[in-house]
Amino acid sequence: MLTFDGILDVAGALLLIVAALLTLAAAIGLLRFPDPLSRLHAATKPQILGLILVVVAIGLSERSATVLLMLIPVVVLQLLTAPISAHMVGRAGYRNGNIDANSFVVDELAPDVDAAGRADIPGGAWGDEPGVDRTP
């Protein structure tokens, strides 16, 4: 017969397995997806959820308030830094021309980048002249 502690241990183990599967899916996505934007999705979404599941599993297995207080900043900092870093990497990939412009339905960033003059990119981000309007 499982006790309450045993049930919490089993739940923690299951959360670790799910977290490992999410991390594996993120790694496969990084290898398989074709462009940087898709890879960013694979790197951030399942990876953060996997980290949260690992933290919850640790909290369930330790059952200590001090451990919980130490784990909360880990989740909060990850939730704050991962979207910002993904945004910056995606923006850098866009500015360097590493993203397929034909895959966009709407390119909302082009007017802002054109307004900035693309002074830091010789020949523009897509290989055309700076200031050329590419909006449909």
N, C-alpha and C. Protein backbone atom coordinates (compact mmCIF):
# COMPACT_ATOMS: atom_id res chain seq x y z
N MET A 1 0.84 -1.17 0.00
CA MET A 1 0.00 0.00 0.00
C MET A 1 0.89 1.24 0.00
N LEU A 2 0.58 2.15 -0.92
CA LEU A 2 1.36 3.37 -1.03
C LEU A 2 0.94 4.38 0.03
N THR A 3 1.93 4.96 0.63
CA THR A 3 1.65 6.04 1.59
C THR A 3 1.61 7.36 0.83
N PHE A 4 1.30 8.43 1.54
CA PHE A 4 1.26 9.74 0.92
C PHE A 4 2.64 10.12 0.40
N ASP A 5 3.68 9.79 1.15
CA ASP A 5 5.04 10.07 0.70
C ASP A 5 5.39 9.26 -0.55
N GLY A 6 4.93 8.04 -0.60
CA GLY A 6 5.16 7.20 -1.78
C GLY A 6 4.47 7.74 -3.01
N ILE A 7 3.26 8.25 -2.83
CA ILE A 7 2.53 8.84 -3.96
C ILE A 7 3.26 10.08 -4.47
N LEU A 8 3.76 10.90 -3.55
CA LEU A 8 4.51 12.09 -3.96
C LEU A 8 5.80 11.72 -4.67
N ASP A 9 6.45 10.65 -4.23
CA ASP A 9 7.67 10.20 -4.90
C ASP A 9 7.38 9.69 -6.31
N VAL A 10 6.28 8.95 -6.46
CA VAL A 10 5.90 8.45 -7.78
C VAL A 10 5.53 9.62 -8.70
N ALA A 11 4.81 10.61 -8.16
CA ALA A 11 4.45 11.78 -8.95
C ALA A 11 5.71 12.54 -9.38
N GLY A 12 6.66 12.67 -8.48
CA GLY A 12 7.92 13.33 -8.82
C GLY A 12 8.68 12.58 -9.90
N ALA A 13 8.70 11.25 -9.82
CA ALA A 13 9.37 10.45 -10.83
C ALA A 13 8.69 10.60 -12.20
N LEU A 14 7.37 10.62 -12.21
CA LEU A 14 6.64 10.79 -13.47
C LEU A 14 6.90 12.18 -14.07
N LEU A 15 6.95 13.19 -13.22
CA LEU A 15 7.26 14.53 -13.71
C LEU A 15 8.66 14.60 -14.30
N LEU A 16 9.61 13.90 -13.69
CA LEU A 16 10.97 13.87 -14.25
C LEU A 16 11.01 13.17 -15.60
N ILE A 17 10.22 12.12 -15.76
CA ILE A 17 10.17 11.42 -17.05
C ILE A 17 9.57 12.33 -18.12
N VAL A 18 8.48 13.01 -17.79
CA VAL A 18 7.86 13.93 -18.75
C VAL A 18 8.82 15.07 -19.08
N ALA A 19 9.52 15.59 -18.08
CA ALA A 19 10.50 16.65 -18.32
C ALA A 19 11.62 16.17 -19.23
N ALA A 20 12.07 14.96 -19.03
CA ALA A 20 13.12 14.41 -19.90
C ALA A 20 12.62 14.26 -21.33
N LEU A 21 11.37 13.84 -21.50
CA LEU A 21 10.80 13.71 -22.85
C LEU A 21 10.66 15.09 -23.52
N LEU A 22 10.26 16.09 -22.76
CA LEU A 22 10.16 17.43 -23.32
C LEU A 22 11.53 17.97 -23.72
N THR A 23 12.53 17.70 -22.90
CA THR A 23 13.89 18.13 -23.22
C THR A 23 14.40 17.40 -24.46
N LEU A 24 14.09 16.13 -24.58
CA LEU A 24 14.47 15.38 -25.78
C LEU A 24 13.77 15.94 -27.01
N ALA A 25 12.48 16.28 -26.88
CA ALA A 25 11.75 16.87 -28.01
C ALA A 25 12.37 18.21 -28.41
N ALA A 26 12.80 19.00 -27.42
CA ALA A 26 13.45 20.27 -27.73
C ALA A 26 14.77 20.04 -28.47
N ALA A 27 15.53 19.06 -28.05
CA ALA A 27 16.80 18.78 -28.71
C ALA A 27 16.59 18.28 -30.14
N ILE A 28 15.61 17.43 -30.33
CA ILE A 28 15.31 16.95 -31.69
C ILE A 28 14.82 18.10 -32.56
N GLY A 29 14.00 18.98 -31.99
CA GLY A 29 13.53 20.14 -32.74
C GLY A 29 14.65 21.06 -33.16
N LEU A 30 15.65 21.24 -32.28
CA LEU A 30 16.79 22.07 -32.65
C LEU A 30 17.56 21.48 -33.83
N LEU A 31 17.61 20.18 -33.90
CA LEU A 31 18.33 19.54 -35.00
C LEU A 31 17.50 19.46 -36.28
N ARG A 32 16.19 19.31 -36.15
CA ARG A 32 15.36 19.03 -37.32
C ARG A 32 14.71 20.25 -37.97
N PHE A 33 14.41 21.29 -37.19
CA PHE A 33 13.69 22.42 -37.76
C PHE A 33 14.59 23.20 -38.71
N PRO A 34 14.01 23.75 -39.79
CA PRO A 34 14.83 24.32 -40.86
C PRO A 34 15.37 25.73 -40.62
N ASP A 35 14.63 26.57 -39.91
CA ASP A 35 15.06 27.96 -39.80
C ASP A 35 15.20 28.39 -38.34
N PRO A 36 15.87 29.49 -38.10
CA PRO A 36 16.11 29.93 -36.72
C PRO A 36 14.85 30.19 -35.91
N LEU A 37 13.79 30.71 -36.53
CA LEU A 37 12.57 30.97 -35.76
C LEU A 37 11.93 29.68 -35.26
N SER A 38 11.91 28.67 -36.08
CA SER A 38 11.38 27.37 -35.63
C SER A 38 12.26 26.78 -34.55
N ARG A 39 13.54 26.92 -34.70
CA ARG A 39 14.47 26.40 -33.69
C ARG A 39 14.32 27.13 -32.37
N LEU A 40 14.05 28.43 -32.43
CA LEU A 40 13.81 29.18 -31.19
C LEU A 40 12.59 28.65 -30.46
N HIS A 41 11.56 28.33 -31.21
CA HIS A 41 10.37 27.76 -30.59
C HIS A 41 10.72 26.45 -29.90
N ALA A 42 11.49 25.62 -30.58
CA ALA A 42 11.87 24.33 -30.00
C ALA A 42 12.79 24.51 -28.80
N ALA A 43 13.59 25.55 -28.81
CA ALA A 43 14.54 25.75 -27.71
C ALA A 43 13.89 26.35 -26.48
N THR A 44 12.82 27.11 -26.65
CA THR A 44 12.25 27.81 -25.50
C THR A 44 11.03 27.13 -24.91
N LYS A 45 10.06 26.79 -25.71
CA LYS A 45 8.78 26.32 -25.16
C LYS A 45 8.92 25.00 -24.39
N PRO A 46 9.34 23.91 -25.01
CA PRO A 46 9.41 22.66 -24.23
C PRO A 46 10.52 22.67 -23.19
N GLN A 47 11.57 23.42 -23.44
CA GLN A 47 12.68 23.44 -22.49
C GLN A 47 12.26 24.11 -21.19
N ILE A 48 11.53 25.21 -21.27
CA ILE A 48 11.08 25.89 -20.05
C ILE A 48 10.07 25.04 -19.31
N LEU A 49 9.14 24.43 -20.05
CA LEU A 49 8.16 23.57 -19.39
C LEU A 49 8.87 22.38 -18.73
N GLY A 50 9.88 21.83 -19.39
CA GLY A 50 10.64 20.74 -18.80
C GLY A 50 11.36 21.17 -17.53
N LEU A 51 11.93 22.37 -17.53
CA LEU A 51 12.59 22.88 -16.33
C LEU A 51 11.59 23.06 -15.19
N ILE A 52 10.41 23.59 -15.50
CA ILE A 52 9.39 23.76 -14.47
C ILE A 52 8.98 22.41 -13.90
N LEU A 53 8.83 21.41 -14.75
CA LEU A 53 8.47 20.08 -14.25
C LEU A 53 9.57 19.48 -13.37
N VAL A 54 10.82 19.72 -13.73
CA VAL A 54 11.93 19.25 -12.90
C VAL A 54 11.90 19.93 -11.54
N VAL A 55 11.65 21.24 -11.53
CA VAL A 55 11.59 21.98 -10.27
C VAL A 55 10.43 21.48 -9.41
N VAL A 56 9.28 21.24 -10.02
CA VAL A 56 8.14 20.71 -9.26
C VAL A 56 8.46 19.32 -8.71
N ALA A 57 9.13 18.50 -9.53
CA ALA A 57 9.51 17.16 -9.06
C ALA A 57 10.47 17.24 -7.88
N ILE A 58 11.42 18.16 -7.94
CA ILE A 58 12.34 18.34 -6.81
C ILE A 58 11.57 18.79 -5.57
N GLY A 59 10.65 19.72 -5.77
CA GLY A 59 9.84 20.18 -4.65
C GLY A 59 9.01 19.07 -4.04
N LEU A 60 8.47 18.19 -4.88
CA LEU A 60 7.68 17.06 -4.37
C LEU A 60 8.55 16.05 -3.63
N SER A 61 9.75 15.83 -4.13
CA SER A 61 10.59 14.82 -3.49
C SER A 61 11.23 15.33 -2.21
N GLU A 62 11.56 16.62 -2.15
CA GLU A 62 12.22 17.17 -0.96
C GLU A 62 11.23 17.55 0.14
N ARG A 63 10.07 18.08 -0.24
CA ARG A 63 9.03 18.47 0.71
C ARG A 63 9.57 19.38 1.81
N SER A 64 10.27 20.42 1.41
CA SER A 64 10.88 21.35 2.35
C SER A 64 10.59 22.78 1.90
N ALA A 65 10.26 23.63 2.84
CA ALA A 65 9.97 25.03 2.51
C ALA A 65 11.22 25.75 2.04
N THR A 66 12.36 25.43 2.61
CA THR A 66 13.59 26.12 2.20
C THR A 66 13.99 25.73 0.78
N VAL A 67 13.78 24.47 0.42
CA VAL A 67 14.08 24.04 -0.95
C VAL A 67 13.12 24.74 -1.91
N LEU A 68 11.86 24.83 -1.53
CA LEU A 68 10.88 25.50 -2.37
C LEU A 68 11.24 26.97 -2.57
N LEU A 69 11.67 27.62 -1.51
CA LEU A 69 12.06 29.02 -1.62
C LEU A 69 13.31 29.20 -2.50
N MET A 70 14.15 28.20 -2.56
CA MET A 70 15.32 28.28 -3.43
C MET A 70 14.96 27.96 -4.89
N LEU A 71 13.91 27.18 -5.11
CA LEU A 71 13.53 26.79 -6.46
C LEU A 71 12.67 27.83 -7.17
N ILE A 72 11.94 28.63 -6.41
CA ILE A 72 11.06 29.63 -7.02
C ILE A 72 11.85 30.64 -7.86
N PRO A 73 12.97 31.18 -7.37
CA PRO A 73 13.73 32.11 -8.24
C PRO A 73 14.26 31.45 -9.51
N VAL A 74 14.54 30.16 -9.47
CA VAL A 74 15.01 29.47 -10.68
C VAL A 74 13.95 29.54 -11.77
N VAL A 75 12.71 29.26 -11.40
CA VAL A 75 11.62 29.29 -12.37
C VAL A 75 11.36 30.72 -12.84
N VAL A 76 11.32 31.65 -11.89
CA VAL A 76 11.02 33.03 -12.25
C VAL A 76 12.09 33.60 -13.18
N LEU A 77 13.35 33.37 -12.87
CA LEU A 77 14.42 33.88 -13.73
C LEU A 77 14.40 33.23 -15.11
N GLN A 78 14.08 31.95 -15.16
CA GLN A 78 13.99 31.27 -16.45
C GLN A 78 12.83 31.83 -17.27
N LEU A 79 11.70 32.08 -16.62
CA LEU A 79 10.55 32.63 -17.33
C LEU A 79 10.81 34.06 -17.81
N LEU A 80 11.68 34.77 -17.12
CA LEU A 80 12.00 36.13 -17.53
C LEU A 80 13.08 36.18 -18.61
N THR A 81 14.07 35.31 -18.53
CA THR A 81 15.20 35.43 -19.45
C THR A 81 15.01 34.67 -20.76
N ALA A 82 14.33 33.56 -20.77
CA ALA A 82 14.21 32.77 -22.00
C ALA A 82 13.46 33.52 -23.11
N PRO A 83 12.32 34.15 -22.85
CA PRO A 83 11.67 34.88 -23.94
C PRO A 83 12.48 36.06 -24.45
N ILE A 84 13.18 36.73 -23.56
CA ILE A 84 13.98 37.88 -23.98
C ILE A 84 15.15 37.43 -24.84
N SER A 85 15.82 36.38 -24.43
CA SER A 85 16.94 35.90 -25.23
C SER A 85 16.47 35.34 -26.57
N ALA A 86 15.33 34.66 -26.59
CA ALA A 86 14.79 34.15 -27.86
C ALA A 86 14.43 35.30 -28.79
N HIS A 87 13.87 36.36 -28.23
CA HIS A 87 13.53 37.53 -29.04
C HIS A 87 14.79 38.15 -29.64
N MET A 88 15.82 38.27 -28.85
CA MET A 88 17.04 38.89 -29.34
C MET A 88 17.73 38.02 -30.40
N VAL A 89 17.72 36.72 -30.21
CA VAL A 89 18.33 35.83 -31.20
C VAL A 89 17.51 35.86 -32.50
N GLY A 90 16.19 35.86 -32.38
CA GLY A 90 15.34 35.93 -33.57
C GLY A 90 15.53 37.24 -34.32
N ARG A 91 15.64 38.32 -33.58
CA ARG A 91 15.85 39.62 -34.22
C ARG A 91 17.22 39.68 -34.91
N ALA A 92 18.24 39.13 -34.27
CA ALA A 92 19.56 39.10 -34.89
C ALA A 92 19.55 38.23 -36.14
N GLY A 93 18.86 37.10 -36.09
CA GLY A 93 18.76 36.26 -37.27
C GLY A 93 18.04 36.96 -38.41
N TYR A 94 17.02 37.74 -38.08
CA TYR A 94 16.29 38.51 -39.09
C TYR A 94 17.21 39.55 -39.71
N ARG A 95 17.91 40.29 -38.87
CA ARG A 95 18.79 41.35 -39.36
C ARG A 95 19.94 40.80 -40.20
N ASN A 96 20.41 39.61 -39.90
CA ASN A 96 21.51 39.02 -40.66
C ASN A 96 21.05 38.30 -41.92
N GLY A 97 19.74 38.19 -42.11
CA GLY A 97 19.21 37.54 -43.31
C GLY A 97 19.21 36.03 -43.24
N ASN A 98 19.24 35.46 -42.05
CA ASN A 98 19.24 34.01 -41.90
C ASN A 98 17.84 33.41 -41.87
N ILE A 99 16.83 34.23 -42.09
CA ILE A 99 15.45 33.77 -42.03
C ILE A 99 14.84 33.88 -43.42
N ASP A 100 14.12 32.87 -43.84
CA ASP A 100 13.49 32.84 -45.15
C ASP A 100 12.31 33.82 -45.16
N ALA A 101 12.43 34.90 -45.91
CA ALA A 101 11.39 35.92 -45.96
C ALA A 101 10.13 35.39 -46.62
N ASN A 102 10.23 34.37 -47.45
CA ASN A 102 9.05 33.82 -48.11
C ASN A 102 8.14 33.06 -47.16
N SER A 103 8.65 32.71 -45.98
CA SER A 103 7.82 31.98 -45.02
C SER A 103 6.94 32.90 -44.18
N PHE A 104 7.13 34.21 -44.30
CA PHE A 104 6.33 35.16 -43.54
C PHE A 104 4.98 35.38 -44.20
N VAL A 105 3.94 35.45 -43.42
CA VAL A 105 2.65 35.88 -43.91
C VAL A 105 2.63 37.41 -43.93
N VAL A 106 3.07 38.00 -42.84
CA VAL A 106 3.20 39.45 -42.72
C VAL A 106 4.57 39.73 -42.10
N ASP A 107 5.30 40.62 -42.69
CA ASP A 107 6.62 41.00 -42.17
C ASP A 107 6.47 42.34 -41.44
N GLU A 108 6.21 42.29 -40.15
CA GLU A 108 5.98 43.51 -39.38
C GLU A 108 7.27 44.19 -38.97
N LEU A 109 8.39 43.53 -39.06
CA LEU A 109 9.65 44.10 -38.62
C LEU A 109 10.36 44.87 -39.73
N ALA A 110 10.04 44.61 -40.99
CA ALA A 110 10.75 45.24 -42.11
C ALA A 110 10.68 46.77 -42.08
N PRO A 111 9.51 47.39 -41.83
CA PRO A 111 9.50 48.86 -41.80
C PRO A 111 10.39 49.44 -40.69
N ASP A 112 10.42 48.80 -39.55
CA ASP A 112 11.27 49.30 -38.47
C ASP A 112 12.75 49.16 -38.80
N VAL A 113 13.11 48.04 -39.39
CA VAL A 113 14.51 47.83 -39.76
C VAL A 113 14.90 48.78 -40.88
N ASP A 114 13.99 48.98 -41.84
CA ASP A 114 14.28 49.93 -42.92
C ASP A 114 14.39 51.36 -42.39
N ALA A 115 13.55 51.71 -41.43
CA ALA A 115 13.60 53.05 -40.84
C ALA A 115 14.92 53.27 -40.09
N ALA A 116 15.48 52.21 -39.56
CA ALA A 116 16.76 52.33 -38.86
C ALA A 116 17.91 52.52 -39.85
N GLY A 117 17.63 52.31 -41.13
CA GLY A 117 18.62 52.57 -42.16
C GLY A 117 19.52 51.40 -42.48
N ARG A 118 19.43 50.34 -41.70
CA ARG A 118 20.25 49.17 -41.93
C ARG A 118 21.72 49.54 -42.10
N ALA A 119 22.16 50.53 -41.35
CA ALA A 119 23.54 51.00 -41.48
C ALA A 119 24.54 49.94 -41.07
N ASP A 120 24.10 49.03 -40.20
CA ASP A 120 25.03 48.01 -39.72
C ASP A 120 25.11 46.80 -40.63
N ILE A 121 24.28 46.77 -41.69
CA ILE A 121 24.24 45.60 -42.57
C ILE A 121 24.55 46.05 -44.00
N PRO A 122 25.70 45.68 -44.53
CA PRO A 122 26.00 46.06 -45.91
C PRO A 122 25.05 45.36 -46.88
N GLY A 123 24.40 46.13 -47.71
CA GLY A 123 23.51 45.55 -48.71
C GLY A 123 22.15 45.17 -48.18
N GLY A 124 21.82 45.50 -46.94
CA GLY A 124 20.52 45.17 -46.38
C GLY A 124 20.49 43.76 -45.85
N ALA A 125 19.47 43.46 -45.07
CA ALA A 125 19.38 42.15 -44.45
C ALA A 125 19.05 41.05 -45.45
N TRP A 126 18.40 41.40 -46.55
CA TRP A 126 18.01 40.37 -47.51
C TRP A 126 18.85 40.43 -48.77
N GLY A 127 19.92 41.23 -48.75
CA GLY A 127 20.79 41.29 -49.90
C GLY A 127 20.37 42.36 -50.90
N ASP A 128 19.30 43.12 -50.63
CA ASP A 128 18.90 44.17 -51.54
C ASP A 128 19.38 45.52 -51.00
N GLU A 129 19.05 46.57 -51.69
CA GLU A 129 19.50 47.90 -51.28
C GLU A 129 18.74 48.38 -50.05
N PRO A 130 19.40 49.10 -49.18
CA PRO A 130 18.71 49.66 -48.00
C PRO A 130 17.61 50.61 -48.42
N GLY A 131 16.50 50.55 -47.70
CA GLY A 131 15.38 51.43 -47.96
C GLY A 131 14.39 50.90 -48.95
N VAL A 132 14.63 49.73 -49.56
CA VAL A 132 13.71 49.16 -50.52
C VAL A 132 12.53 48.57 -49.77
N ASP A 133 11.32 48.93 -50.20
CA ASP A 133 10.11 48.45 -49.52
C ASP A 133 9.77 47.05 -50.03
N ARG A 134 9.73 46.08 -49.11
CA ARG A 134 9.40 44.70 -49.46
C ARG A 134 8.03 44.29 -48.95
N THR A 135 7.25 45.23 -48.45
CA THR A 135 5.94 44.87 -47.92
C THR A 135 5.01 44.54 -49.08
N PRO A 136 4.15 43.53 -48.90
CA PRO A 136 3.26 43.13 -50.00
C PRO A 136 2.16 44.14 -50.25
